[in-house]
Amino acid sequence: MKSNIVVIKIGSQLVLENNALSERFFAALFTQMKHLTDKGWQPVIVLSGAVARGKAIETLTGKHARAAFGQMELARVCAQMGEKNKVRTALILVTKDDIVNRAAYDTLQRTLAELAHAGIVAIINENDATTLLGVNDFVDNDQLASIIALMIHADRLILMTNVEGVFSANPETDREAHLIAEIKNINLEIIKRTLDGKTEHGRGGMDGKLRAARIATAVGIETHIVKGTDPTILTDILLSGKKQGTLCRARGRDLKDFTARERWIVSAQNSGASVELDKGAAEAVKARKSLLAVGIQKVFGTFEEKECIELLDAEKETVALGLSEISSKRLSELLGQKEKQYDVEVVHANNLRLL
């Protein structure tokens, strides 16, 4: 039975207009929130823009202070627009520690469930006023949105940005670039873009959205990457069923098949990285046997010990998720040696989750 839960991530480039918060954007957003909630949808918003808004205050030079100011501004406009449209809102600031710590994760999950049951739209942002870059921060809010979608067993994930969706190339420099309306094998698309040098780097960017979509679609959550400046984009997709932007098809098992521990592991420890297996290793994993280094052909991305990675077959389709016993650095060193490493265990059978 569908729960009609949708997680909506809003990029910082959408919320600002002339260094101030765009009332036009927020007015359209909360008009859509009203329509969605009236039709039985339970929206959860992951909202960026606090640091960007804080930059308008010239005397604030540090990221943490800018975030503290900007977060209050975002909360203010959301409360105002919510009240105007008769949409009740709640604000939650999180750090990665709140996801990695199982007790904190369970508390956040219960809080979001209670808010949804009461018809209150949760607005979530990373607590940039306290997080330390590279220590307890998320890669970006796209990653945070995908984690929240897994946590609350969302039906849809919508990543709103300032472009129409995923393009075959950079449309600003390539006249032949075209919008990709649907992606079925998101692993193949990510790897292709990486090899072609078409990814964007840093916090956010299309590569971040694709990686977030990879996590979500692997566990059955359809993901849309769309242009958020369209004032009816959310109602068009969710209420009218219109095809907008790029749809990343769900490709794995539904989250209802996951245990609470498995859902937490995929959420809290997901590295966003993957490894490609040879045919024998893929068959062994499907038979629920441990993955050894000898069966790995390539490594995509980086990961540390005890982080969750995707195991791909030769066609770049996901076979399973698993907790790695070694880091990507160590694994790459093993793969670079002349002698095959037959006995080095990368993922133990007990830590595999077949998709």
Protein backbone atom coordinates (compact mmCIF):
# COMPACT_ATOMS: atom_id res chain seq x y z
CA MET A 1 0.00 0.00 0.00
CA LYS A 2 1.39 3.37 -1.01
CA SER A 3 1.91 5.92 1.76
CA ASN A 4 2.23 8.94 -0.58
CA ILE A 5 5.36 10.20 1.16
CA VAL A 6 7.51 12.45 -1.00
CA VAL A 7 10.88 13.98 -0.10
CA ILE A 8 11.57 17.24 -1.95
CA LYS A 9 15.08 18.64 -2.04
CA ILE A 10 15.39 22.33 -2.94
CA GLY A 11 18.72 23.72 -4.14
CA SER A 12 20.09 27.00 -2.79
CA GLN A 13 20.09 28.57 -6.27
CA LEU A 14 16.28 28.41 -6.25
CA VAL A 15 15.60 30.17 -2.98
CA LEU A 16 17.62 33.35 -3.58
CA GLU A 17 16.79 36.37 -5.70
CA ASN A 18 19.15 39.39 -5.63
CA ASN A 19 20.84 38.03 -2.47
CA ALA A 20 17.50 37.88 -0.65
CA LEU A 21 15.09 35.02 -0.19
CA SER A 22 12.71 34.79 -3.12
CA GLU A 23 9.18 35.32 -1.86
CA ARG A 24 7.94 34.43 -5.33
CA PHE A 25 9.56 30.99 -5.11
CA PHE A 26 8.33 30.28 -1.59
CA ALA A 27 4.81 31.48 -2.44
CA ALA A 28 4.66 28.98 -5.31
CA LEU A 29 6.22 26.25 -3.15
CA PHE A 30 3.67 26.54 -0.35
CA THR A 31 0.76 26.88 -2.74
CA GLN A 32 1.84 23.49 -4.06
CA MET A 33 2.29 22.15 -0.51
CA LYS A 34 -1.34 23.01 0.18
CA HIS A 35 -2.54 21.20 -2.95
CA LEU A 36 -0.40 18.16 -2.17
CA THR A 37 -1.47 17.81 1.45
CA ASP A 38 -5.13 18.29 0.50
CA LYS A 39 -4.74 15.35 -1.91
CA GLY A 40 -3.21 13.07 0.70
CA TRP A 41 0.50 13.50 -0.01
CA GLN A 42 2.91 13.78 2.92
CA PRO A 43 5.73 16.10 1.79
CA VAL A 44 9.06 16.41 3.57
CA ILE A 45 11.30 19.27 2.41
CA VAL A 46 15.11 19.25 2.49
CA LEU A 47 15.97 22.91 2.11
CA SER A 48 19.30 24.44 1.12
CA GLY A 49 20.31 28.10 1.12
CA ALA A 50 21.19 29.07 4.70
CA VAL A 51 24.87 29.73 4.05
CA ALA A 52 24.14 31.43 0.73
CA ARG A 53 21.63 33.76 2.41
CA GLY A 54 24.13 34.57 5.17
CA LYS A 55 26.67 35.76 2.62
CA ALA A 56 24.52 38.85 2.07
CA ILE A 57 25.63 40.08 5.52
CA GLU A 58 29.08 41.51 4.78
CA THR A 59 30.23 41.41 8.40
CA LEU A 60 29.65 37.64 8.53
CA THR A 61 32.72 35.99 7.04
CA GLY A 62 32.54 32.48 8.50
CA LYS A 63 30.38 29.69 7.14
CA HIS A 64 28.98 28.76 10.55
CA ALA A 65 27.83 32.29 11.39
CA ARG A 66 26.36 32.75 7.92
CA ALA A 67 24.45 29.50 8.31
CA ALA A 68 23.08 30.53 11.71
CA PHE A 69 21.71 33.77 10.27
CA GLY A 70 20.45 32.22 7.05
CA GLN A 71 18.68 29.37 8.83
CA MET A 72 16.56 31.82 10.82
CA GLU A 73 15.67 33.67 7.62
CA LEU A 74 14.60 30.42 5.93
CA ALA A 75 12.55 29.42 8.95
CA ARG A 76 10.86 32.82 8.98
CA VAL A 77 9.77 32.79 5.34
CA CYS A 78 8.61 29.16 5.55
CA ALA A 79 6.53 29.94 8.63
CA GLN A 80 4.99 32.99 6.96
CA MET A 81 4.16 31.25 3.70
CA GLY A 82 2.96 28.16 5.54
CA GLU A 83 0.58 30.20 7.66
CA LYS A 84 -0.69 32.08 4.59
CA ASN A 85 -1.48 28.80 2.84
CA LYS A 86 -2.72 26.99 5.98
CA VAL A 87 0.20 24.55 5.91
CA ARG A 88 1.74 23.77 9.28
CA THR A 89 5.52 23.39 9.29
CA ALA A 90 8.25 22.13 11.60
CA LEU A 91 12.02 22.71 11.40
CA ILE A 92 14.66 20.01 11.96
CA LEU A 93 18.42 20.63 11.76
CA VAL A 94 20.57 17.51 11.51
CA THR A 95 24.20 16.48 11.30
CA LYS A 96 25.63 13.25 9.99
CA ASP A 97 26.09 12.15 13.60
CA ASP A 98 22.28 12.07 13.88
CA ILE A 99 22.23 9.47 11.11
CA VAL A 100 25.28 7.39 12.05
CA ASN A 101 24.21 7.09 15.70
CA ARG A 102 21.49 4.42 15.72
CA ALA A 103 19.60 5.86 18.71
CA ALA A 104 19.55 9.35 17.17
CA TYR A 105 18.52 7.86 13.82
CA ASP A 106 15.58 6.05 15.41
CA THR A 107 14.54 9.24 17.25
CA LEU A 108 14.60 11.27 14.03
CA GLN A 109 12.61 8.56 12.25
CA ARG A 110 9.92 8.58 14.96
CA THR A 111 9.80 12.38 14.96
CA LEU A 112 9.25 12.53 11.19
CA ALA A 113 6.57 9.85 11.40
CA GLU A 114 4.72 11.75 14.14
CA LEU A 115 4.88 15.03 12.20
CA ALA A 116 3.57 13.33 9.05
CA HIS A 117 0.74 11.70 11.00
CA ALA A 118 -0.25 15.16 12.29
CA GLY A 119 -0.21 16.63 8.77
CA ILE A 120 2.79 18.85 9.50
CA VAL A 121 5.36 19.44 6.74
CA ALA A 122 8.87 18.85 8.09
CA ILE A 123 11.55 21.19 6.75
CA ILE A 124 15.01 19.69 7.13
CA ASN A 125 18.45 21.19 6.67
CA GLU A 126 21.96 20.25 7.66
CA ASN A 127 23.02 22.09 10.78
CA ASP A 128 25.75 24.07 9.03
CA ALA A 129 26.17 26.30 12.09
CA THR A 130 27.88 23.44 13.94
CA THR A 131 29.02 20.84 11.40
CA LEU A 132 32.71 20.52 10.57
CA LEU A 133 33.60 20.14 6.90
CA GLY A 134 34.90 16.65 6.22
CA VAL A 135 34.19 15.46 9.76
CA ASN A 136 30.47 15.22 10.47
CA ASP A 137 28.93 16.84 7.40
CA PHE A 138 27.01 15.36 4.50
CA VAL A 139 28.50 15.42 1.01
CA ASP A 140 25.60 17.72 0.06
CA ASN A 141 21.87 18.10 0.66
CA ASP A 142 21.15 15.73 -2.22
CA GLN A 143 22.75 12.98 -0.15
CA LEU A 144 20.81 14.11 2.92
CA ALA A 145 17.55 14.01 0.94
CA SER A 146 18.20 10.46 -0.25
CA ILE A 147 19.00 9.37 3.31
CA ILE A 148 15.76 10.90 4.61
CA ALA A 149 13.83 9.22 1.78
CA LEU A 150 15.24 5.84 2.84
CA MET A 151 14.62 6.56 6.51
CA ILE A 152 10.92 7.32 6.13
CA HIS A 153 10.24 4.83 3.32
CA ALA A 154 9.30 7.53 0.80
CA ASP A 155 7.47 6.72 -2.42
CA ARG A 156 9.19 9.49 -4.39
CA LEU A 157 12.28 11.66 -4.19
CA ILE A 158 12.24 14.94 -6.12
CA LEU A 159 15.50 16.86 -6.56
CA MET A 160 14.74 20.42 -7.61
CA THR A 161 17.47 22.40 -9.33
CA ASN A 162 17.85 25.32 -11.76
CA VAL A 163 18.15 23.16 -14.91
CA GLU A 164 15.52 21.03 -16.61
CA GLY A 165 17.13 17.72 -15.67
CA VAL A 166 20.01 15.53 -16.76
CA PHE A 167 21.47 16.35 -20.18
CA SER A 168 23.59 14.19 -22.46
CA ALA A 169 26.24 16.93 -22.38
CA ASN A 170 26.63 20.49 -21.14
CA PRO A 171 23.85 22.38 -22.97
CA GLU A 172 25.72 25.66 -22.53
CA THR A 173 28.66 24.47 -24.63
CA ASP A 174 27.25 21.63 -26.74
CA ARG A 175 24.47 22.42 -29.22
CA GLU A 176 23.67 18.72 -29.62
CA ALA A 177 23.04 18.22 -25.90
CA HIS A 178 19.58 16.89 -25.17
CA LEU A 179 17.51 16.26 -22.08
CA ILE A 180 17.50 12.64 -20.90
CA ALA A 181 13.85 12.02 -20.06
CA GLU A 182 14.38 8.67 -18.33
CA ILE A 183 17.31 6.77 -16.85
CA LYS A 184 16.90 3.07 -16.17
CA ASN A 185 20.51 2.13 -15.44
CA ILE A 186 21.75 4.99 -13.32
CA ASN A 187 25.08 3.30 -12.58
CA LEU A 188 25.91 3.28 -16.26
CA GLU A 189 24.95 6.96 -16.61
CA ILE A 190 27.11 8.03 -13.65
CA ILE A 191 30.13 6.08 -14.85
CA LYS A 192 29.70 7.39 -18.41
CA ARG A 193 29.59 10.99 -17.20
CA THR A 194 32.63 10.43 -14.99
CA LEU A 195 34.69 8.92 -17.80
CA ASP A 196 33.63 11.71 -20.17
CA GLY A 197 34.62 14.36 -17.63
CA LYS A 198 31.09 15.76 -17.53
CA THR A 199 30.56 15.71 -13.79
CA GLU A 200 30.42 18.79 -11.61
CA HIS A 201 32.47 18.86 -8.43
CA GLY A 202 32.00 20.21 -4.94
CA ARG A 203 28.83 20.29 -2.87
CA GLY A 204 25.83 19.78 -5.11
CA GLY A 205 26.05 19.61 -8.87
CA MET A 206 24.47 17.08 -11.20
CA ASP A 207 26.87 14.33 -10.17
CA GLY A 208 25.64 14.72 -6.60
CA LYS A 209 22.04 14.42 -7.72
CA LEU A 210 22.77 11.30 -9.74
CA ARG A 211 24.55 9.69 -6.81
CA ALA A 212 21.64 10.54 -4.53
CA ALA A 213 19.28 9.07 -7.10
CA ARG A 214 21.41 5.94 -7.26
CA ILE A 215 20.99 5.34 -3.52
CA ALA A 216 17.24 5.95 -3.63
CA THR A 217 16.45 3.99 -6.79
CA ALA A 218 18.48 1.01 -5.55
CA VAL A 219 15.86 0.50 -2.85
CA GLY A 220 12.77 1.13 -4.94
CA ILE A 221 12.28 4.91 -4.70
CA GLU A 222 11.58 6.64 -8.00
CA THR A 223 13.56 9.85 -8.29
CA HIS A 224 12.89 12.96 -10.35
CA ILE A 225 15.52 15.58 -11.23
CA VAL A 226 13.60 18.68 -12.32
CA LYS A 227 13.72 22.43 -12.83
CA GLY A 228 12.39 24.00 -9.66
CA THR A 229 11.67 27.43 -11.10
CA ASP A 230 8.46 26.05 -12.64
CA PRO A 231 5.80 27.19 -10.12
CA THR A 232 3.64 24.06 -10.64
CA ILE A 233 6.37 21.43 -11.06
CA LEU A 234 5.44 19.41 -7.97
CA THR A 235 1.69 19.32 -8.58
CA ASP A 236 2.28 18.57 -12.26
CA ILE A 237 4.32 15.48 -11.37
CA LEU A 238 2.47 14.19 -8.33
CA LEU A 239 -1.12 15.20 -9.04
CA SER A 240 -1.33 15.41 -12.83
CA GLY A 241 1.20 12.69 -13.65
CA LYS A 242 3.01 14.87 -16.18
CA LYS A 243 6.46 13.85 -17.35
CA GLN A 244 8.92 16.54 -16.33
CA GLY A 245 12.70 16.67 -16.22
CA THR A 246 14.54 13.38 -15.80
CA LEU A 247 12.92 10.36 -14.18
CA CYS A 248 15.30 7.85 -12.60
CA ARG A 249 13.43 4.56 -12.46
CA ALA A 250 13.36 2.47 -9.30
CA ARG A 251 15.52 -0.59 -9.91
CA GLY A 252 15.84 -2.46 -6.63
CA ARG A 253 13.68 -4.17 -4.05
CA ASP A 254 11.14 -2.14 -2.16
CA LEU A 255 12.19 -0.88 1.25
CA LYS A 256 9.39 -2.88 2.88
CA ASP A 257 11.60 -5.93 2.33
CA PHE A 258 14.43 -4.41 4.37
CA THR A 259 14.85 -4.92 8.10
CA ALA A 260 15.19 -1.83 10.30
CA ARG A 261 18.92 -2.56 10.69
CA GLU A 262 19.42 -2.93 6.92
CA ARG A 263 17.64 0.36 6.27
CA TRP A 264 19.82 2.09 8.83
CA ILE A 265 23.01 0.62 7.35
CA VAL A 266 22.09 1.73 3.82
CA SER A 267 21.22 5.20 5.13
CA ALA A 268 23.97 5.79 7.64
CA GLN A 269 26.94 4.02 6.11
CA ASN A 270 26.31 4.53 2.39
CA SER A 271 29.48 5.70 0.68
CA GLY A 272 27.93 6.28 -2.74
CA ALA A 273 30.73 4.13 -4.18
CA SER A 274 30.57 0.87 -6.09
CA VAL A 275 32.66 -2.02 -7.38
CA GLU A 276 32.25 -4.03 -10.58
CA LEU A 277 32.35 -7.83 -10.26
CA ASP A 278 33.34 -10.45 -12.78
CA LYS A 279 30.78 -13.05 -13.78
CA GLY A 280 31.92 -15.63 -11.24
CA ALA A 281 31.88 -13.19 -8.35
CA ALA A 282 28.44 -11.89 -9.33
CA GLU A 283 27.07 -15.44 -9.32
CA ALA A 284 28.71 -16.15 -5.97
CA VAL A 285 27.19 -13.03 -4.41
CA LYS A 286 23.76 -13.98 -5.78
CA ALA A 287 24.23 -17.32 -4.02
CA ARG A 288 24.87 -15.32 -0.81
CA LYS A 289 28.57 -16.09 -0.67
CA SER A 290 31.21 -13.62 0.53
CA LEU A 291 32.85 -11.33 -2.01
CA LEU A 292 36.61 -11.75 -2.40
CA ALA A 293 38.98 -9.21 -3.92
CA VAL A 294 39.86 -11.58 -6.77
CA GLY A 295 36.34 -11.21 -8.17
CA ILE A 296 36.45 -7.40 -8.43
CA GLN A 297 37.23 -5.80 -11.79
CA LYS A 298 36.96 -2.06 -11.07
CA VAL A 299 36.40 0.40 -8.23
CA PHE A 300 34.20 3.49 -8.68
CA GLY A 301 34.43 6.18 -6.00
CA THR A 302 36.01 6.01 -2.55
CA PHE A 303 34.95 4.35 0.68
CA GLU A 304 36.30 3.46 4.10
CA GLU A 305 36.06 0.26 6.13
CA LYS A 306 32.51 -0.62 7.24
CA GLU A 307 30.90 1.64 4.66
CA CYS A 308 28.09 0.44 2.42
CA ILE A 309 28.95 -0.02 -1.27
CA GLU A 310 27.08 -1.23 -4.34
CA LEU A 311 28.14 -4.45 -6.04
CA LEU A 312 27.62 -4.23 -9.81
CA ASP A 313 27.71 -6.88 -12.52
CA ALA A 314 29.43 -6.39 -15.90
CA GLU A 315 26.36 -4.53 -17.24
CA LYS A 316 26.60 -2.08 -14.30
CA GLU A 317 23.37 -3.42 -12.81
CA THR A 318 23.21 -3.58 -9.01
CA VAL A 319 23.52 -7.11 -7.63
CA ALA A 320 23.68 -6.26 -3.94
CA LEU A 321 24.61 -3.78 -1.25
CA GLY A 322 27.25 -4.67 1.29
CA LEU A 323 29.50 -3.43 4.07
CA SER A 324 33.10 -3.42 2.93
CA GLU A 325 35.74 -4.94 5.19
CA ILE A 326 38.48 -2.82 3.59
CA SER A 327 38.84 0.70 2.21
CA SER A 328 38.80 1.59 -1.49
CA LYS A 329 42.44 2.64 -1.17
CA ARG A 330 43.46 -0.78 0.12
CA LEU A 331 41.29 -2.55 -2.46
CA SER A 332 42.83 -0.55 -5.33
CA GLU A 333 46.28 -1.49 -4.06
CA LEU A 334 45.30 -5.18 -4.10
CA LEU A 335 43.88 -4.94 -7.61
CA GLY A 336 47.08 -3.30 -8.79
CA GLN A 337 49.29 -6.18 -7.70
CA LYS A 338 50.51 -8.72 -10.22
CA GLU A 339 49.51 -11.73 -8.14
CA LYS A 340 45.78 -12.30 -7.67
CA GLN A 341 44.49 -11.83 -4.13
CA TYR A 342 42.24 -14.85 -3.75
CA ASP A 343 41.74 -14.86 0.00
CA VAL A 344 41.11 -11.20 0.85
CA GLU A 345 37.48 -10.80 1.88
CA VAL A 346 35.90 -7.53 0.79
CA VAL A 347 32.28 -8.14 1.85
CA HIS A 348 31.28 -10.93 4.23
CA ALA A 349 28.20 -12.97 3.36
CA ASN A 350 26.45 -11.82 6.55
CA ASN A 351 26.80 -8.19 5.45
CA LEU A 352 25.28 -8.60 1.96
CA ARG A 353 21.82 -7.40 0.94
CA LEU A 354 20.72 -8.77 -2.41
CA LEU A 355 18.73 -6.46 -4.67
